[in-house]
Full PDB file with SEQRES, HELIX, SHEET, SSBOND, CRYST1, ORIGX, SCALE, CONECT and MASTER records, all heavy atoms in Angstrom:
SEQRES   1 A   37  CYS PRO LEU THR VAL ARG MET GLU GLY GLU GLN ILE GLU          
SEQRES   2 A   37  VAL SER GLY ASN THR CYS LYS ARG GLY GLU ASP TYR ALA          
SEQRES   3 A   37  LYS LYS GLU VAL LEU HIS PRO ALA ARG THR VAL                  
HELIX    1 AA1 LYS A   20  LEU A   31  1                                  12    
SHEET    1 AA1 2 THR A   4  GLU A   8  0                                        
SHEET    2 AA1 2 GLN A  11  SER A  15 -1                                        
CRYST1    1.000    1.000    1.000  90.00  90.00  90.00 P 1           1          
ORIGX1      1.000000  0.000000  0.000000        0.00000                         
ORIGX2      0.000000  1.000000  0.000000        0.00000                         
ORIGX3      0.000000  0.000000  1.000000        0.00000                         
SCALE1      1.000000  0.000000  0.000000        0.00000                         
SCALE2      0.000000  1.000000  0.000000        0.00000                         
SCALE3      0.000000  0.000000  1.000000        0.00000                         
ATOM      1  N   CYS A   1      53.992  89.199  51.493  1.00  0.00           N  
ATOM      2  CA  CYS A   1      54.218  90.393  50.696  1.00  0.00           C  
ATOM      3  C   CYS A   1      54.351  90.122  49.201  1.00  0.00           C  
ATOM      4  O   CYS A   1      54.965  89.120  48.820  1.00  0.00           O  
ATOM      5  CB  CYS A   1      55.508  91.113  51.191  1.00  0.00           C  
ATOM      6  SG  CYS A   1      55.525  91.653  52.808  1.00  0.00           S  
ATOM      7  N   PRO A   2      53.701  90.948  48.367  1.00  0.00           N  
ATOM      8  CA  PRO A   2      53.936  90.791  46.909  1.00  0.00           C  
ATOM      9  C   PRO A   2      55.284  91.357  46.525  1.00  0.00           C  
ATOM     10  O   PRO A   2      55.616  92.506  46.834  1.00  0.00           O  
ATOM     11  CB  PRO A   2      52.774  91.588  46.348  1.00  0.00           C  
ATOM     12  CG  PRO A   2      52.381  92.592  47.370  1.00  0.00           C  
ATOM     13  CD  PRO A   2      52.757  91.956  48.639  1.00  0.00           C  
ATOM     14  N   LEU A   3      56.107  90.521  45.917  1.00  0.00           N  
ATOM     15  CA  LEU A   3      57.510  90.899  45.575  1.00  0.00           C  
ATOM     16  C   LEU A   3      57.660  91.070  44.107  1.00  0.00           C  
ATOM     17  O   LEU A   3      57.104  90.334  43.323  1.00  0.00           O  
ATOM     18  CB  LEU A   3      58.519  89.833  46.044  1.00  0.00           C  
ATOM     19  CG  LEU A   3      58.403  89.455  47.520  1.00  0.00           C  
ATOM     20  CD1 LEU A   3      59.360  88.325  47.853  1.00  0.00           C  
ATOM     21  CD2 LEU A   3      58.713  90.629  48.468  1.00  0.00           C  
ATOM     22  N   THR A   4      58.446  92.071  43.748  1.00  0.00           N  
ATOM     23  CA  THR A   4      58.883  92.241  42.351  1.00  0.00           C  
ATOM     24  C   THR A   4      60.408  92.038  42.317  1.00  0.00           C  
ATOM     25  O   THR A   4      61.142  92.706  43.049  1.00  0.00           O  
ATOM     26  CB  THR A   4      58.513  93.614  41.819  1.00  0.00           C  
ATOM     27  OG1 THR A   4      57.044  93.800  41.911  1.00  0.00           O  
ATOM     28  CG2 THR A   4      58.886  93.805  40.386  1.00  0.00           C  
ATOM     29  N   VAL A   5      60.826  91.164  41.428  1.00  0.00           N  
ATOM     30  CA  VAL A   5      62.240  90.835  41.316  1.00  0.00           C  
ATOM     31  C   VAL A   5      62.666  91.263  39.959  1.00  0.00           C  
ATOM     32  O   VAL A   5      62.140  90.775  38.951  1.00  0.00           O  
ATOM     33  CB  VAL A   5      62.594  89.320  41.546  1.00  0.00           C  
ATOM     34  CG1 VAL A   5      64.072  89.075  41.460  1.00  0.00           C  
ATOM     35  CG2 VAL A   5      62.032  88.880  42.849  1.00  0.00           C  
ATOM     36  N   ARG A   6      63.659  92.181  39.867  1.00  0.00           N  
ATOM     37  CA  ARG A   6      64.186  92.619  38.583  1.00  0.00           C  
ATOM     38  C   ARG A   6      65.644  92.069  38.520  1.00  0.00           C  
ATOM     39  O   ARG A   6      66.465  92.292  39.451  1.00  0.00           O  
ATOM     40  CB  ARG A   6      64.227  94.163  38.549  1.00  0.00           C  
ATOM     41  CG  ARG A   6      62.855  94.743  38.376  1.00  0.00           C  
ATOM     42  CD  ARG A   6      62.955  96.260  38.541  1.00  0.00           C  
ATOM     43  NE  ARG A   6      61.754  97.015  38.199  1.00  0.00           N  
ATOM     44  CZ  ARG A   6      60.559  96.906  38.792  1.00  0.00           C  
ATOM     45  NH1 ARG A   6      60.376  95.970  39.671  1.00  0.00           N  
ATOM     46  NH2 ARG A   6      59.529  97.645  38.419  1.00  0.00           N  
ATOM     47  N   MET A   7      65.913  91.374  37.372  1.00  0.00           N  
ATOM     48  CA  MET A   7      67.245  90.719  37.146  1.00  0.00           C  
ATOM     49  C   MET A   7      67.859  91.257  35.855  1.00  0.00           C  
ATOM     50  O   MET A   7      67.143  91.183  34.812  1.00  0.00           O  
ATOM     51  CB  MET A   7      67.062  89.245  37.096  1.00  0.00           C  
ATOM     52  CG  MET A   7      66.499  88.620  38.367  1.00  0.00           C  
ATOM     53  SD  MET A   7      66.073  86.904  38.235  1.00  0.00           S  
ATOM     54  CE  MET A   7      64.615  86.987  37.160  1.00  0.00           C  
ATOM     55  N   GLU A   8      69.006  91.729  36.012  1.00  0.00           N  
ATOM     56  CA  GLU A   8      69.791  92.100  34.787  1.00  0.00           C  
ATOM     57  C   GLU A   8      71.213  91.658  35.028  1.00  0.00           C  
ATOM     58  O   GLU A   8      71.899  92.218  35.821  1.00  0.00           O  
ATOM     59  CB  GLU A   8      69.740  93.629  34.610  1.00  0.00           C  
ATOM     60  CG  GLU A   8      70.265  94.033  33.277  1.00  0.00           C  
ATOM     61  CD  GLU A   8      69.860  95.466  32.863  1.00  0.00           C  
ATOM     62  OE1 GLU A   8      69.054  96.099  33.546  1.00  0.00           O  
ATOM     63  OE2 GLU A   8      70.376  95.894  31.836  1.00  0.00           O  
ATOM     64  N   GLY A   9      71.562  90.614  34.254  1.00  0.00           N  
ATOM     65  CA  GLY A   9      72.947  90.053  34.437  1.00  0.00           C  
ATOM     66  C   GLY A   9      73.102  89.499  35.853  1.00  0.00           C  
ATOM     67  O   GLY A   9      72.225  88.721  36.230  1.00  0.00           O  
ATOM     68  N   GLU A  10      74.124  89.919  36.575  1.00  0.00           N  
ATOM     69  CA  GLU A  10      74.355  89.479  37.876  1.00  0.00           C  
ATOM     70  C   GLU A  10      73.594  90.273  38.949  1.00  0.00           C  
ATOM     71  O   GLU A  10      73.506  89.906  40.151  1.00  0.00           O  
ATOM     72  CB  GLU A  10      75.846  89.519  38.228  1.00  0.00           C  
ATOM     73  CG  GLU A  10      76.703  88.691  37.363  1.00  0.00           C  
ATOM     74  CD  GLU A  10      76.585  87.223  37.705  1.00  0.00           C  
ATOM     75  OE1 GLU A  10      76.586  86.943  38.890  1.00  0.00           O  
ATOM     76  OE2 GLU A  10      76.488  86.404  36.752  1.00  0.00           O  
ATOM     77  N   GLN A  11      72.976  91.388  38.484  1.00  0.00           N  
ATOM     78  CA  GLN A  11      72.247  92.280  39.465  1.00  0.00           C  
ATOM     79  C   GLN A  11      70.834  91.792  39.644  1.00  0.00           C  
ATOM     80  O   GLN A  11      70.116  91.514  38.782  1.00  0.00           O  
ATOM     81  CB  GLN A  11      72.204  93.699  38.817  1.00  0.00           C  
ATOM     82  CG  GLN A  11      73.549  94.351  38.651  1.00  0.00           C  
ATOM     83  CD  GLN A  11      74.229  94.669  40.031  1.00  0.00           C  
ATOM     84  OE1 GLN A  11      73.564  94.859  41.025  1.00  0.00           O  
ATOM     85  NE2 GLN A  11      75.543  94.655  40.008  1.00  0.00           N  
ATOM     86  N   ILE A  12      70.470  91.702  40.963  1.00  0.00           N  
ATOM     87  CA  ILE A  12      69.106  91.400  41.332  1.00  0.00           C  
ATOM     88  C   ILE A  12      68.559  92.452  42.286  1.00  0.00           C  
ATOM     89  O   ILE A  12      69.226  92.765  43.301  1.00  0.00           O  
ATOM     90  CB  ILE A  12      69.001  89.964  42.032  1.00  0.00           C  
ATOM     91  CG1 ILE A  12      69.515  88.946  41.089  1.00  0.00           C  
ATOM     92  CG2 ILE A  12      67.639  89.734  42.540  1.00  0.00           C  
ATOM     93  CD1 ILE A  12      69.616  87.545  41.753  1.00  0.00           C  
ATOM     94  N   GLU A  13      67.475  92.976  41.946  1.00  0.00           N  
ATOM     95  CA  GLU A  13      66.751  93.989  42.759  1.00  0.00           C  
ATOM     96  C   GLU A  13      65.446  93.509  43.207  1.00  0.00           C  
ATOM     97  O   GLU A  13      64.669  93.058  42.371  1.00  0.00           O  
ATOM     98  CB  GLU A  13      66.691  95.324  41.987  1.00  0.00           C  
ATOM     99  CG  GLU A  13      65.947  96.436  42.731  1.00  0.00           C  
ATOM    100  CD  GLU A  13      65.691  97.612  41.862  1.00  0.00           C  
ATOM    101  OE1 GLU A  13      66.577  98.052  41.125  1.00  0.00           O  
ATOM    102  OE2 GLU A  13      64.528  98.070  41.890  1.00  0.00           O  
ATOM    103  N   VAL A  14      65.159  93.556  44.496  1.00  0.00           N  
ATOM    104  CA  VAL A  14      63.906  93.042  45.056  1.00  0.00           C  
ATOM    105  C   VAL A  14      63.137  94.264  45.648  1.00  0.00           C  
ATOM    106  O   VAL A  14      63.797  94.982  46.378  1.00  0.00           O  
ATOM    107  CB  VAL A  14      64.130  91.951  46.137  1.00  0.00           C  
ATOM    108  CG1 VAL A  14      62.822  91.532  46.735  1.00  0.00           C  
ATOM    109  CG2 VAL A  14      64.907  90.784  45.556  1.00  0.00           C  
ATOM    110  N   SER A  15      61.899  94.301  45.378  1.00  0.00           N  
ATOM    111  CA  SER A  15      61.069  95.395  45.916  1.00  0.00           C  
ATOM    112  C   SER A  15      59.716  94.804  46.408  1.00  0.00           C  
ATOM    113  O   SER A  15      59.339  93.742  45.936  1.00  0.00           O  
ATOM    114  CB  SER A  15      60.851  96.546  44.944  1.00  0.00           C  
ATOM    115  OG  SER A  15      60.115  96.091  43.815  1.00  0.00           O  
ATOM    116  N   GLY A  16      59.098  95.494  47.360  1.00  0.00           N  
ATOM    117  CA  GLY A  16      57.779  95.025  47.869  1.00  0.00           C  
ATOM    118  C   GLY A  16      57.914  94.347  49.217  1.00  0.00           C  
ATOM    119  O   GLY A  16      56.941  94.126  49.903  1.00  0.00           O  
ATOM    120  N   ASN A  17      59.098  93.921  49.531  1.00  0.00           N  
ATOM    121  CA  ASN A  17      59.313  93.203  50.871  1.00  0.00           C  
ATOM    122  C   ASN A  17      59.325  94.189  52.020  1.00  0.00           C  
ATOM    123  O   ASN A  17      59.746  95.282  51.892  1.00  0.00           O  
ATOM    124  CB  ASN A  17      60.608  92.404  50.817  1.00  0.00           C  
ATOM    125  CG  ASN A  17      61.798  93.258  50.573  1.00  0.00           C  
ATOM    126  OD1 ASN A  17      61.836  93.887  49.502  1.00  0.00           O  
ATOM    127  ND2 ASN A  17      62.820  93.251  51.425  1.00  0.00           N  
ATOM    128  N   THR A  18      58.761  93.750  53.104  1.00  0.00           N  
ATOM    129  CA  THR A  18      58.756  94.521  54.367  1.00  0.00           C  
ATOM    130  C   THR A  18      59.788  94.127  55.337  1.00  0.00           C  
ATOM    131  O   THR A  18      59.980  94.742  56.360  1.00  0.00           O  
ATOM    132  CB  THR A  18      57.363  94.525  55.035  1.00  0.00           C  
ATOM    133  OG1 THR A  18      56.973  93.206  55.337  1.00  0.00           O  
ATOM    134  CG2 THR A  18      56.283  95.154  54.140  1.00  0.00           C  
ATOM    135  N   CYS A  19      60.487  93.010  55.000  1.00  0.00           N  
ATOM    136  CA  CYS A  19      61.601  92.555  55.913  1.00  0.00           C  
ATOM    137  C   CYS A  19      62.687  91.907  55.119  1.00  0.00           C  
ATOM    138  O   CYS A  19      62.495  91.618  53.921  1.00  0.00           O  
ATOM    139  CB  CYS A  19      61.017  91.612  56.988  1.00  0.00           C  
ATOM    140  SG  CYS A  19      60.428  89.978  56.361  1.00  0.00           S  
ATOM    141  N   LYS A  20      63.778  91.625  55.740  1.00  0.00           N  
ATOM    142  CA  LYS A  20      64.941  91.080  55.142  1.00  0.00           C  
ATOM    143  C   LYS A  20      64.636  89.657  54.553  1.00  0.00           C  
ATOM    144  O   LYS A  20      65.174  89.200  53.527  1.00  0.00           O  
ATOM    145  CB  LYS A  20      66.120  91.011  56.117  1.00  0.00           C  
ATOM    146  CG  LYS A  20      67.382  90.375  55.566  1.00  0.00           C  
ATOM    147  CD  LYS A  20      68.171  91.222  54.658  1.00  0.00           C  
ATOM    148  CE  LYS A  20      69.563  90.607  54.384  1.00  0.00           C  
ATOM    149  NZ  LYS A  20      69.749  90.257  53.000  1.00  0.00           N  
ATOM    150  N   ARG A  21      63.754  88.947  55.305  1.00  0.00           N  
ATOM    151  CA  ARG A  21      63.442  87.610  54.861  1.00  0.00           C  
ATOM    152  C   ARG A  21      62.781  87.571  53.457  1.00  0.00           C  
ATOM    153  O   ARG A  21      63.035  86.671  52.702  1.00  0.00           O  
ATOM    154  CB  ARG A  21      62.490  86.893  55.841  1.00  0.00           C  
ATOM    155  CG  ARG A  21      63.133  86.465  57.099  1.00  0.00           C  
ATOM    156  CD  ARG A  21      62.202  85.823  58.064  1.00  0.00           C  
ATOM    157  NE  ARG A  21      61.295  86.802  58.606  1.00  0.00           N  
ATOM    158  CZ  ARG A  21      60.403  86.578  59.528  1.00  0.00           C  
ATOM    159  NH1 ARG A  21      60.220  85.298  59.945  1.00  0.00           N  
ATOM    160  NH2 ARG A  21      59.626  87.544  60.034  1.00  0.00           N  
ATOM    161  N   GLY A  22      62.088  88.627  53.100  1.00  0.00           N  
ATOM    162  CA  GLY A  22      61.480  88.691  51.805  1.00  0.00           C  
ATOM    163  C   GLY A  22      62.525  88.794  50.705  1.00  0.00           C  
ATOM    164  O   GLY A  22      62.449  88.142  49.643  1.00  0.00           O  
ATOM    165  N   GLU A  23      63.513  89.635  50.958  1.00  0.00           N  
ATOM    166  CA  GLU A  23      64.604  89.823  49.999  1.00  0.00           C  
ATOM    167  C   GLU A  23      65.411  88.503  49.826  1.00  0.00           C  
ATOM    168  O   GLU A  23      65.678  88.028  48.744  1.00  0.00           O  
ATOM    169  CB  GLU A  23      65.583  90.917  50.402  1.00  0.00           C  
ATOM    170  CG  GLU A  23      66.707  91.128  49.447  1.00  0.00           C  
ATOM    171  CD  GLU A  23      67.645  92.228  49.908  1.00  0.00           C  
ATOM    172  OE1 GLU A  23      67.376  92.907  50.880  1.00  0.00           O  
ATOM    173  OE2 GLU A  23      68.624  92.543  49.103  1.00  0.00           O  
ATOM    174  N   ASP A  24      65.670  87.842  50.977  1.00  0.00           N  
ATOM    175  CA  ASP A  24      66.373  86.543  50.946  1.00  0.00           C  
ATOM    176  C   ASP A  24      65.605  85.487  50.184  1.00  0.00           C  
ATOM    177  O   ASP A  24      66.151  84.761  49.358  1.00  0.00           O  
ATOM    178  CB  ASP A  24      66.705  86.082  52.343  1.00  0.00           C  
ATOM    179  CG  ASP A  24      67.693  86.949  53.111  1.00  0.00           C  
ATOM    180  OD1 ASP A  24      68.437  87.781  52.447  1.00  0.00           O  
ATOM    181  OD2 ASP A  24      67.730  86.895  54.327  1.00  0.00           O  
ATOM    182  N   TYR A  25      64.331  85.437  50.443  1.00  0.00           N  
ATOM    183  CA  TYR A  25      63.464  84.406  49.826  1.00  0.00           C  
ATOM    184  C   TYR A  25      63.420  84.640  48.303  1.00  0.00           C  
ATOM    185  O   TYR A  25      63.590  83.727  47.504  1.00  0.00           O  
ATOM    186  CB  TYR A  25      62.016  84.499  50.394  1.00  0.00           C  
ATOM    187  CG  TYR A  25      61.035  83.783  49.502  1.00  0.00           C  
ATOM    188  CD1 TYR A  25      60.955  82.381  49.440  1.00  0.00           C  
ATOM    189  CD2 TYR A  25      60.180  84.455  48.616  1.00  0.00           C  
ATOM    190  CE1 TYR A  25      60.103  81.740  48.650  1.00  0.00           C  
ATOM    191  CE2 TYR A  25      59.261  83.798  47.808  1.00  0.00           C  
ATOM    192  CZ  TYR A  25      59.277  82.399  47.786  1.00  0.00           C  
ATOM    193  OH  TYR A  25      58.425  81.773  46.955  1.00  0.00           O  
ATOM    194  N   ALA A  26      63.276  85.911  47.878  1.00  0.00           N  
ATOM    195  CA  ALA A  26      63.149  86.205  46.448  1.00  0.00           C  
ATOM    196  C   ALA A  26      64.474  85.835  45.737  1.00  0.00           C  
ATOM    197  O   ALA A  26      64.441  85.264  44.588  1.00  0.00           O  
ATOM    198  CB  ALA A  26      62.855  87.682  46.249  1.00  0.00           C  
ATOM    199  N   LYS A  27      65.555  86.183  46.289  1.00  0.00           N  
ATOM    200  CA  LYS A  27      66.907  85.857  45.647  1.00  0.00           C  
ATOM    201  C   LYS A  27      67.084  84.377  45.554  1.00  0.00           C  
ATOM    202  O   LYS A  27      67.495  83.868  44.550  1.00  0.00           O  
ATOM    203  CB  LYS A  27      68.002  86.490  46.435  1.00  0.00           C  
ATOM    204  CG  LYS A  27      68.071  88.055  46.200  1.00  0.00           C  
ATOM    205  CD  LYS A  27      69.216  88.645  46.962  1.00  0.00           C  
ATOM    206  CE  LYS A  27      69.287  90.192  46.731  1.00  0.00           C  
ATOM    207  NZ  LYS A  27      70.349  90.812  47.451  1.00  0.00           N  
ATOM    208  N   LYS A  28      66.743  83.650  46.648  1.00  0.00           N  
ATOM    209  CA  LYS A  28      66.909  82.202  46.601  1.00  0.00           C  
ATOM    210  C   LYS A  28      65.973  81.580  45.545  1.00  0.00           C  
ATOM    211  O   LYS A  28      66.343  80.688  44.855  1.00  0.00           O  
ATOM    212  CB  LYS A  28      66.609  81.608  47.961  1.00  0.00           C  
ATOM    213  CG  LYS A  28      66.750  80.105  47.993  1.00  0.00           C  
ATOM    214  CD  LYS A  28      66.513  79.512  49.309  1.00  0.00           C  
ATOM    215  CE  LYS A  28      66.692  78.012  49.288  1.00  0.00           C  
ATOM    216  NZ  LYS A  28      66.311  77.365  50.534  1.00  0.00           N  
ATOM    217  N   GLU A  29      64.727  82.109  45.487  1.00  0.00           N  
ATOM    218  CA  GLU A  29      63.694  81.502  44.626  1.00  0.00           C  
ATOM    219  C   GLU A  29      64.092  81.731  43.110  1.00  0.00           C  
ATOM    220  O   GLU A  29      63.874  80.837  42.292  1.00  0.00           O  
ATOM    221  CB  GLU A  29      62.358  82.116  44.873  1.00  0.00           C  
ATOM    222  CG  GLU A  29      61.191  81.592  43.988  1.00  0.00           C  
ATOM    223  CD  GLU A  29      60.998  80.090  44.242  1.00  0.00           C  
ATOM    224  OE1 GLU A  29      61.383  79.508  45.243  1.00  0.00           O  
ATOM    225  OE2 GLU A  29      60.302  79.466  43.385  1.00  0.00           O  
ATOM    226  N   VAL A  30      64.699  82.827  42.776  1.00  0.00           N  
ATOM    227  CA  VAL A  30      65.030  83.054  41.346  1.00  0.00           C  
ATOM    228  C   VAL A  30      66.395  82.444  40.968  1.00  0.00           C  
ATOM    229  O   VAL A  30      66.608  82.071  39.836  1.00  0.00           O  
ATOM    230  CB  VAL A  30      65.007  84.561  40.957  1.00  0.00           C  
ATOM    231  CG1 VAL A  30      63.655  85.144  41.074  1.00  0.00           C  
ATOM    232  CG2 VAL A  30      66.063  85.386  41.700  1.00  0.00           C  
ATOM    233  N   LEU A  31      67.304  82.267  41.949  1.00  0.00           N  
ATOM    234  CA  LEU A  31      68.629  81.765  41.661  1.00  0.00           C  
ATOM    235  C   LEU A  31      68.722  80.196  41.903  1.00  0.00           C  
ATOM    236  O   LEU A  31      69.264  79.477  41.103  1.00  0.00           O  
ATOM    237  CB  LEU A  31      69.722  82.418  42.539  1.00  0.00           C  
ATOM    238  CG  LEU A  31      69.922  83.905  42.216  1.00  0.00           C  
ATOM    239  CD1 LEU A  31      70.916  84.523  43.214  1.00  0.00           C  
ATOM    240  CD2 LEU A  31      70.383  84.083  40.816  1.00  0.00           C  
ATOM    241  N   HIS A  32      68.104  79.732  43.000  1.00  0.00           N  
ATOM    242  CA  HIS A  32      68.245  78.294  43.374  1.00  0.00           C  
ATOM    243  C   HIS A  32      66.949  77.873  44.068  1.00  0.00           C  
ATOM    244  O   HIS A  32      66.831  77.686  45.222  1.00  0.00           O  
ATOM    245  CB  HIS A  32      69.390  78.122  44.385  1.00  0.00           C  
ATOM    246  CG  HIS A  32      70.722  78.652  43.928  1.00  0.00           C  
ATOM    247  ND1 HIS A  32      71.443  78.008  42.928  1.00  0.00           N  
ATOM    248  CD2 HIS A  32      71.401  79.722  44.253  1.00  0.00           C  
ATOM    249  CE1 HIS A  32      72.582  78.734  42.721  1.00  0.00           C  
ATOM    250  NE2 HIS A  32      72.540  79.733  43.522  1.00  0.00           N  
ATOM    251  N   PRO A  33      65.884  77.700  43.242  1.00  0.00           N  
ATOM    252  CA  PRO A  33      64.588  77.319  43.818  1.00  0.00           C  
ATOM    253  C   PRO A  33      64.682  75.917  44.488  1.00  0.00           C  
ATOM    254  O   PRO A  33      65.332  75.037  43.933  1.00  0.00           O  
ATOM    255  CB  PRO A  33      63.610  77.336  42.610  1.00  0.00           C  
ATOM    256  CG  PRO A  33      64.477  77.247  41.429  1.00  0.00           C  
ATOM    257  CD  PRO A  33      65.797  77.859  41.770  1.00  0.00           C  
ATOM    258  N   ALA A  34      64.044  75.820  45.666  1.00  0.00           N  
ATOM    259  CA  ALA A  34      64.085  74.566  46.398  1.00  0.00           C  
ATOM    260  C   ALA A  34      62.746  74.346  47.067  1.00  0.00           C  
ATOM    261  O   ALA A  34      62.027  75.304  47.347  1.00  0.00           O  
ATOM    262  CB  ALA A  34      65.230  74.588  47.421  1.00  0.00           C  
ATOM    263  N   ARG A  35      62.433  73.096  47.380  1.00  0.00           N  
ATOM    264  CA  ARG A  35      61.168  72.759  47.963  1.00  0.00           C  
ATOM    265  C   ARG A  35      61.351  71.649  49.019  1.00  0.00           C  
ATOM    266  O   ARG A  35      62.253  70.786  48.876  1.00  0.00           O  
ATOM    267  CB  ARG A  35      60.136  72.255  46.978  1.00  0.00           C  
ATOM    268  CG  ARG A  35      59.803  73.211  45.857  1.00  0.00           C  
ATOM    269  CD  ARG A  35      58.968  74.370  46.430  1.00  0.00           C  
ATOM    270  NE  ARG A  35      58.576  75.333  45.331  1.00  0.00           N  
ATOM    271  CZ  ARG A  35      59.225  76.338  44.964  1.00  0.00           C  
ATOM    272  NH1 ARG A  35      60.414  76.646  45.485  1.00  0.00           N  
ATOM    273  NH2 ARG A  35      58.791  77.137  44.006  1.00  0.00           N  
ATOM    274  N   THR A  36      60.509  71.648  50.055  1.00  0.00           N  
ATOM    275  CA  THR A  36      60.459  70.487  50.929  1.00  0.00           C  
ATOM    276  C   THR A  36      59.350  69.578  50.365  1.00  0.00           C  
ATOM    277  O   THR A  36      58.357  69.975  49.872  1.00  0.00           O  
ATOM    278  CB  THR A  36      59.984  70.898  52.343  1.00  0.00           C  
ATOM    279  OG1 THR A  36      60.952  71.831  52.884  1.00  0.00           O  
ATOM    280  CG2 THR A  36      59.816  69.728  53.219  1.00  0.00           C  
ATOM    281  N   VAL A  37      59.728  68.274  50.295  1.00  0.00           N  
ATOM    282  CA  VAL A  37      58.834  67.273  49.696  1.00  0.00           C  
ATOM    283  C   VAL A  37      58.183  66.450  50.769  1.00  0.00           C  
ATOM    284  O   VAL A  37      58.868  65.997  51.693  1.00  0.00           O  
ATOM    285  CB  VAL A  37      59.603  66.360  48.692  1.00  0.00           C  
ATOM    286  CG1 VAL A  37      58.763  65.253  48.182  1.00  0.00           C  
ATOM    287  CG2 VAL A  37      60.149  67.191  47.547  1.00  0.00           C  
TER     288      VAL A  37                                                      
MASTER        0    0    0    1    2    0    0    6  287    1    0    3          
END                                                                             
């Protein structure tokens, strides 16, 4: 899914996701990005 993440201060709004995993992924990616190496 194409996601749009809007951040203002502590507020994070995610749109475009069709499931809860999309919201969780977007928040983690903007706050604490991580990768498997």
